Amino acid sequence: MGSALHSGPRKKSASSNPLVLHGRHFGRTVFALCNYPALLTSGILRLEELQDTPIEDYPADVRQEHRVFIELVNSYPGLLDHLMNGEDEDIVHVGELMGKGASGARGNNTKTLKSAVLEWLVPRGQAVIPPLARNIKSDRGFNHKVTGTLLCPAGLDWSNAETKQSLKSGETAVRGDQWPMFLYAGYVYDSEDPWKGLLRSLFGFKHVFTSPSSVDKEPKTMRSGNAYLHGMKMVTKGSLAYIAMQVRFSLSSSSVFSRTDTVTNSENFYHSILDLLEDPEESQEVVDLMIWWTRRVFPNSSSSQRGVSKNSALAKIREKQAALRDRVPTTSTT
């Protein structure tokens, strides 16, 4: 059976309740595209297996799935006890409710971003030429100069006629791990330093998490925003990957969101960004990125003030501590 993190949530109608609402937020901020009933079922079973086999001995995809499971049960007080003491039907039902929430949130954001994204394509006061329809996407993607430029894979030159024609005709397939130019600050990609500006030009975050009115200015109130309602005070890795996926889809010519759509490759794209942000080897760049975002979206949060200057005494102390930890002992016992 495939990983629960690569499967769509089951559909089942249910009235809105705390589990549905929690699923909406969890999908936006931690993990968006998974089969929640399967995730909870396999997670409970694996807890028993871990008594004999440590999680480190499992393949990378299983370790990731288990991490998401632990985050999910820890994020909802009493959930794990309820699942451990309940029946199999309870686990499936809870998963279906959370999956309903995550799927509903994704659908709502897809719908609202479809028209909202047009406001961010060019500087305010300028018009998109030729005009783009707000509710029809067939003229977007590589069919339009503006959206084509933003979606063009980093490293390719959209101004090159052959490249443009190849992308427009589909001769050059755009895979999910080929990141578009709109992810880079100033839409500039440096092949010598691929981290430079990455994920620092991602419009749409405030629209989803604070309020549509906060995109261009501070709103009078943020109490109706998703972040406020769920006590969110800092940007998460999952939320950045989620917004990147949503904006990429809104710029595309595809009319219906589908994980398995071979044109947009939304699932692979989402996973590729999340994989980078969760890579321990990239931890320093990721920490800097999270602080950069939190300061812009949640400037009053204590989390936005926790950055450490690279040349400060604290930074030097931490560098020395890291060097000592990594040092290989030179003495040996006989």
Protein backbone atom coordinates (compact mmCIF):
# COMPACT_ATOMS: atom_id res chain seq x y z
CA MET A 1 0.00 0.00 0.00
CA GLY A 2 1.34 3.43 -0.91
CA SER A 3 2.25 6.10 1.58
CA ALA A 4 -0.67 7.98 3.11
CA LEU A 5 1.20 11.20 2.35
CA HIS A 6 0.81 10.60 -1.37
CA SER A 7 -2.88 9.80 -1.44
CA GLY A 8 -5.93 12.03 -1.64
CA PRO A 9 -8.26 12.24 1.33
CA ARG A 10 -11.42 10.17 1.29
CA LYS A 11 -14.63 12.08 0.80
CA LYS A 12 -17.52 11.81 3.21
CA SER A 13 -20.09 14.43 4.01
CA ALA A 14 -20.12 15.51 7.62
CA SER A 15 -21.25 18.56 9.54
CA SER A 16 -18.61 21.12 10.41
CA ASN A 17 -17.04 20.42 13.80
CA PRO A 18 -13.70 21.03 15.59
CA LEU A 19 -12.00 18.15 13.78
CA VAL A 20 -13.02 19.57 10.40
CA LEU A 21 -11.77 23.01 11.40
CA HIS A 22 -8.52 21.54 12.68
CA GLY A 23 -8.07 19.65 9.43
CA ARG A 24 -8.40 22.92 7.52
CA HIS A 25 -5.57 24.52 9.46
CA PHE A 26 -3.36 21.42 9.59
CA GLY A 27 -3.62 21.01 5.82
CA ARG A 28 -2.61 24.60 5.24
CA THR A 29 0.27 24.70 7.71
CA VAL A 30 1.72 21.20 8.09
CA PHE A 31 0.70 18.77 5.35
CA ALA A 32 -1.86 19.36 2.63
CA LEU A 33 -2.02 16.31 0.39
CA CYS A 34 -2.55 13.12 2.30
CA ASN A 35 -5.10 10.43 3.08
CA TYR A 36 -5.93 11.25 6.69
CA PRO A 37 -7.74 7.98 7.54
CA ALA A 38 -4.76 6.01 6.20
CA LEU A 39 -2.31 8.32 8.00
CA LEU A 40 -4.01 7.80 11.36
CA THR A 41 -4.52 4.05 10.87
CA SER A 42 -0.91 3.37 9.87
CA GLY A 43 0.36 5.75 12.55
CA ILE A 44 -1.44 3.88 15.35
CA LEU A 45 -0.19 0.52 14.08
CA ARG A 46 3.36 1.82 13.79
CA LEU A 47 3.40 2.96 17.41
CA GLU A 48 3.28 -0.72 18.36
CA GLU A 49 6.01 -1.62 15.87
CA LEU A 50 8.30 1.10 17.24
CA GLN A 51 8.53 -0.76 20.52
CA ASP A 52 10.79 -3.24 18.73
CA THR A 53 12.15 -1.26 15.77
CA PRO A 54 13.29 2.39 16.11
CA ILE A 55 11.90 4.83 13.55
CA GLU A 56 15.45 5.53 12.32
CA ASP A 57 15.53 2.04 10.81
CA TYR A 58 12.60 2.75 8.50
CA PRO A 59 12.84 4.22 4.96
CA ALA A 60 12.75 8.01 4.55
CA ASP A 61 9.14 8.12 3.35
CA VAL A 62 7.95 6.13 6.37
CA ARG A 63 9.90 8.40 8.73
CA GLN A 64 8.28 11.44 7.13
CA GLU A 65 4.82 9.90 7.37
CA HIS A 66 5.39 9.12 11.04
CA ARG A 67 6.57 12.67 11.72
CA VAL A 68 3.39 14.06 10.15
CA PHE A 69 1.30 11.62 12.21
CA ILE A 70 3.01 12.71 15.44
CA GLU A 71 2.49 16.38 14.57
CA LEU A 72 -1.16 15.71 13.86
CA VAL A 73 -1.97 13.89 17.10
CA ASN A 74 0.10 16.32 19.18
CA SER A 75 -1.68 19.30 17.65
CA TYR A 76 -5.10 18.20 18.94
CA PRO A 77 -5.28 17.63 22.72
CA GLY A 78 -6.61 14.21 23.67
CA LEU A 79 -6.68 12.91 20.10
CA LEU A 80 -4.10 10.16 20.54
CA ASP A 81 -5.79 8.77 23.66
CA HIS A 82 -9.13 8.81 21.86
CA LEU A 83 -7.70 6.92 18.90
CA MET A 84 -5.76 4.40 21.01
CA ASN A 85 -8.81 3.56 23.09
CA GLY A 86 -11.35 3.62 20.28
CA GLU A 87 -12.42 1.26 17.53
CA ASP A 88 -11.06 1.11 13.99
CA GLU A 89 -14.19 2.90 12.83
CA ASP A 90 -13.36 5.82 15.13
CA ILE A 91 -9.94 6.22 13.55
CA VAL A 92 -11.39 6.23 10.05
CA HIS A 93 -14.15 8.67 11.03
CA VAL A 94 -11.70 11.13 12.63
CA GLY A 95 -9.48 10.89 9.56
CA GLU A 96 -12.40 11.54 7.24
CA LEU A 97 -13.41 14.64 9.18
CA MET A 98 -9.89 16.05 9.10
CA GLY A 99 -9.55 15.14 5.43
CA LYS A 100 -12.82 16.94 4.75
CA GLY A 101 -11.42 20.05 6.40
CA ALA A 102 -8.11 19.96 4.54
CA SER A 103 -9.79 19.34 1.20
CA GLY A 104 -12.35 22.07 1.79
CA ALA A 105 -9.70 24.64 2.73
CA ARG A 106 -7.65 23.78 -0.34
CA GLY A 107 -10.70 24.13 -2.57
CA ASN A 108 -11.67 27.49 -1.07
CA ASN A 109 -8.17 28.88 -1.47
CA THR A 110 -7.94 27.62 -5.04
CA LYS A 111 -11.18 29.41 -5.85
CA THR A 112 -10.32 32.77 -4.26
CA LEU A 113 -6.72 32.89 -5.47
CA LYS A 114 -7.84 32.33 -9.07
CA SER A 115 -9.02 35.94 -9.32
CA ALA A 116 -6.91 37.51 -6.55
CA VAL A 117 -3.63 36.52 -8.19
CA LEU A 118 -4.35 38.85 -11.10
CA GLU A 119 -3.88 41.82 -8.76
CA TRP A 120 -0.27 40.83 -8.05
CA LEU A 121 1.05 40.10 -11.53
CA VAL A 122 2.08 43.66 -12.38
CA PRO A 123 2.71 46.80 -10.29
CA ARG A 124 -0.46 48.36 -8.92
CA GLY A 125 -2.00 50.81 -11.33
CA GLN A 126 -0.77 48.94 -14.39
CA ALA A 127 -2.87 46.68 -16.55
CA VAL A 128 -2.08 43.15 -17.61
CA ILE A 129 -1.70 43.18 -21.41
CA PRO A 130 -3.39 41.39 -23.01
CA PRO A 131 -6.06 41.22 -20.28
CA LEU A 132 -6.63 37.99 -18.36
CA ALA A 133 -10.07 36.69 -17.43
CA ARG A 134 -10.78 36.45 -13.70
CA ASN A 135 -12.79 33.24 -13.78
CA ILE A 136 -11.43 31.49 -16.87
CA LYS A 137 -7.88 30.11 -16.83
CA SER A 138 -7.41 28.86 -20.37
CA ASP A 139 -5.47 32.00 -21.34
CA ARG A 140 -3.00 31.70 -18.45
CA GLY A 141 0.04 29.47 -18.05
CA PHE A 142 2.40 29.50 -20.99
CA ASN A 143 -0.33 30.98 -23.16
CA HIS A 144 0.34 34.47 -21.77
CA LYS A 145 3.53 36.49 -21.52
CA VAL A 146 3.09 37.53 -17.87
CA THR A 147 2.05 34.18 -16.40
CA GLY A 148 4.45 32.36 -18.71
CA THR A 149 7.36 34.45 -17.44
CA LEU A 150 6.44 33.70 -13.81
CA LEU A 151 5.95 29.97 -14.44
CA CYS A 152 9.06 29.53 -16.57
CA PRO A 153 11.39 27.03 -14.84
CA ALA A 154 14.40 28.65 -13.19
CA GLY A 155 17.39 28.33 -15.48
CA LEU A 156 15.36 28.64 -18.68
CA ASP A 157 15.02 31.92 -20.57
CA TRP A 158 11.39 32.82 -21.28
CA SER A 159 12.51 35.61 -23.63
CA ASN A 160 14.07 32.98 -25.89
CA ALA A 161 11.59 32.29 -28.70
CA GLU A 162 12.44 28.59 -28.91
CA THR A 163 12.10 28.10 -25.16
CA LYS A 164 8.78 29.92 -25.13
CA GLN A 165 7.39 27.89 -27.99
CA SER A 166 8.63 24.63 -26.50
CA LEU A 167 6.98 25.36 -23.15
CA LYS A 168 3.79 26.64 -24.76
CA SER A 169 3.41 23.59 -26.97
CA GLY A 170 4.25 21.18 -24.18
CA GLU A 171 7.33 19.83 -25.94
CA THR A 172 9.34 20.76 -22.87
CA ALA A 173 7.62 19.00 -19.98
CA VAL A 174 7.65 20.96 -16.72
CA ARG A 175 8.09 18.55 -13.84
CA GLY A 176 7.16 19.30 -10.28
CA ASP A 177 10.78 19.67 -9.20
CA GLN A 178 11.46 22.38 -11.80
CA TRP A 179 10.75 25.47 -9.77
CA PRO A 180 9.22 28.53 -11.45
CA MET A 181 10.69 32.00 -11.47
CA PHE A 182 7.96 33.51 -9.30
CA LEU A 183 9.54 31.77 -6.28
CA TYR A 184 12.63 34.00 -6.54
CA ALA A 185 12.95 37.57 -5.28
CA GLY A 186 12.88 39.95 -8.23
CA TYR A 187 12.27 36.88 -10.42
CA VAL A 188 16.03 36.45 -10.68
CA TYR A 189 17.65 33.02 -10.46
CA ASP A 190 21.35 32.64 -9.65
CA SER A 191 22.60 29.24 -10.79
CA GLU A 192 25.73 29.71 -8.67
CA ASP A 193 23.64 30.31 -5.55
CA PRO A 194 20.22 28.62 -5.96
CA TRP A 195 19.19 29.64 -2.43
CA LYS A 196 19.54 33.34 -3.21
CA GLY A 197 16.07 34.89 -3.11
CA LEU A 198 14.33 31.49 -3.08
CA LEU A 199 10.79 31.61 -1.63
CA ARG A 200 11.14 35.33 -0.92
CA SER A 201 8.84 36.47 -3.68
CA LEU A 202 5.83 34.36 -2.81
CA PHE A 203 2.67 36.43 -3.10
CA GLY A 204 -0.57 35.11 -1.65
CA PHE A 205 0.47 34.24 1.91
CA LYS A 206 -1.33 37.12 3.63
CA HIS A 207 -4.37 36.59 1.42
CA VAL A 208 -4.82 33.09 2.84
CA PHE A 209 -3.57 33.41 6.41
CA THR A 210 -4.32 36.94 7.62
CA SER A 211 -6.92 38.48 5.32
CA PRO A 212 -7.27 39.56 1.67
CA SER A 213 -7.20 43.20 2.80
CA SER A 214 -3.79 42.73 4.45
CA VAL A 215 -1.96 41.97 1.21
CA ASP A 216 -1.11 45.60 0.48
CA LYS A 217 -1.50 47.17 3.91
CA GLU A 218 -2.03 46.38 7.55
CA PRO A 219 -5.71 45.55 8.10
CA LYS A 220 -7.78 47.30 10.76
CA THR A 221 -8.42 43.89 12.28
CA MET A 222 -7.09 40.40 11.64
CA ARG A 223 -9.55 38.61 13.91
CA SER A 224 -11.32 36.99 10.99
CA GLY A 225 -8.11 35.66 9.46
CA ASN A 226 -7.17 31.98 9.51
CA ALA A 227 -3.97 32.67 11.44
CA TYR A 228 -5.80 34.48 14.25
CA LEU A 229 -8.56 31.89 14.49
CA HIS A 230 -6.02 29.09 14.97
CA GLY A 231 -3.49 30.95 17.09
CA MET A 232 -0.87 30.95 14.35
CA LYS A 233 1.98 33.34 15.22
CA MET A 234 4.74 32.23 12.89
CA VAL A 235 5.21 31.01 9.35
CA THR A 236 5.68 27.25 8.96
CA LYS A 237 7.45 25.17 6.36
CA GLY A 238 4.19 23.54 5.39
CA SER A 239 2.47 26.89 4.94
CA LEU A 240 5.15 28.12 2.52
CA ALA A 241 4.93 24.93 0.46
CA TYR A 242 1.13 25.18 0.49
CA ILE A 243 1.04 28.78 -0.76
CA ALA A 244 3.67 28.05 -3.41
CA MET A 245 1.54 25.17 -4.69
CA GLN A 246 -1.64 27.26 -4.68
CA VAL A 247 -0.10 30.24 -6.46
CA ARG A 248 1.57 28.03 -9.05
CA PHE A 249 -1.78 26.44 -9.82
CA SER A 250 -3.56 29.80 -9.99
CA LEU A 251 -1.06 30.97 -12.60
CA SER A 252 -1.47 27.83 -14.69
CA SER A 253 -4.02 27.21 -17.41
CA SER A 254 -5.43 24.13 -15.65
CA SER A 255 -9.04 24.60 -14.61
CA VAL A 256 -9.38 21.82 -12.02
CA PHE A 257 -6.91 21.11 -9.22
CA SER A 258 -5.72 17.52 -9.25
CA ARG A 259 -2.78 15.95 -7.47
CA THR A 260 -2.13 13.64 -10.41
CA ASP A 261 -2.46 16.29 -13.12
CA THR A 262 0.56 15.68 -15.36
CA VAL A 263 0.46 19.29 -16.58
CA THR A 264 0.83 21.02 -13.21
CA ASN A 265 2.44 18.19 -11.19
CA SER A 266 1.10 19.92 -8.08
CA GLU A 267 1.78 17.03 -5.72
CA ASN A 268 5.40 16.57 -6.83
CA PHE A 269 5.93 20.33 -6.72
CA TYR A 270 4.56 20.53 -3.18
CA HIS A 271 6.68 17.61 -1.99
CA SER A 272 9.85 18.95 -3.61
CA ILE A 273 9.60 22.25 -1.72
CA LEU A 274 8.71 20.56 1.55
CA ASP A 275 11.61 18.12 1.14
CA LEU A 276 14.04 21.03 0.82
CA LEU A 277 12.64 22.88 3.82
CA GLU A 278 12.86 19.73 5.96
CA ASP A 279 16.38 18.78 4.86
CA PRO A 280 18.70 18.93 7.90
CA GLU A 281 21.59 19.93 5.63
CA GLU A 282 19.73 23.13 4.76
CA SER A 283 18.71 24.01 8.31
CA GLN A 284 20.52 27.36 8.57
CA GLU A 285 19.08 28.69 5.31
CA VAL A 286 15.62 27.46 6.34
CA VAL A 287 15.84 29.12 9.76
CA ASP A 288 16.81 32.41 8.10
CA LEU A 289 13.92 32.05 5.66
CA MET A 290 11.37 31.34 8.41
CA ILE A 291 12.52 34.37 10.40
CA TRP A 292 12.40 36.54 7.27
CA TRP A 293 8.81 35.50 6.59
CA THR A 294 7.58 35.67 10.19
CA ARG A 295 8.88 39.22 10.53
CA ARG A 296 6.83 40.25 7.50
CA VAL A 297 3.62 38.41 8.26
CA PHE A 298 3.62 38.40 12.08
CA PRO A 299 5.85 41.36 13.03
CA ASN A 300 4.51 41.50 16.60
CA SER A 301 5.21 37.84 17.29
CA SER A 302 8.06 36.98 19.65
CA SER A 303 9.13 34.36 17.09
CA SER A 304 10.02 37.13 14.65
CA GLN A 305 12.55 38.56 17.09
CA ARG A 306 14.61 35.41 17.57
CA GLY A 307 17.08 35.83 14.78
CA VAL A 308 20.77 35.79 15.59
CA SER A 309 23.12 38.10 13.71
CA LYS A 310 25.77 36.12 11.88
CA ASN A 311 28.65 38.20 13.30
CA SER A 312 27.34 38.45 16.86
CA ALA A 313 28.99 36.92 19.92
CA LEU A 314 26.09 34.48 20.28
CA ALA A 315 26.54 33.32 16.71
CA LYS A 316 30.27 32.78 17.28
CA ILE A 317 29.59 30.78 20.45
CA ARG A 318 27.13 28.55 18.63
CA GLU A 319 29.60 28.04 15.78
CA LYS A 320 32.27 26.96 18.27
CA GLN A 321 29.86 24.60 20.02
CA ALA A 322 28.89 23.04 16.70
CA ALA A 323 32.55 22.59 15.75
CA LEU A 324 33.27 20.86 19.06
CA ARG A 325 30.33 18.51 18.62
CA ASP A 326 31.43 17.58 15.13
CA ARG A 327 35.08 17.04 16.04
CA VAL A 328 36.18 13.42 15.73
CA PRO A 329 38.02 12.15 18.86
CA THR A 330 41.71 11.61 18.17
CA THR A 331 42.40 9.38 21.22
CA SER A 332 41.68 5.68 21.38
CA THR A 333 41.56 3.05 24.10
CA THR A 334 43.82 0.00 24.16
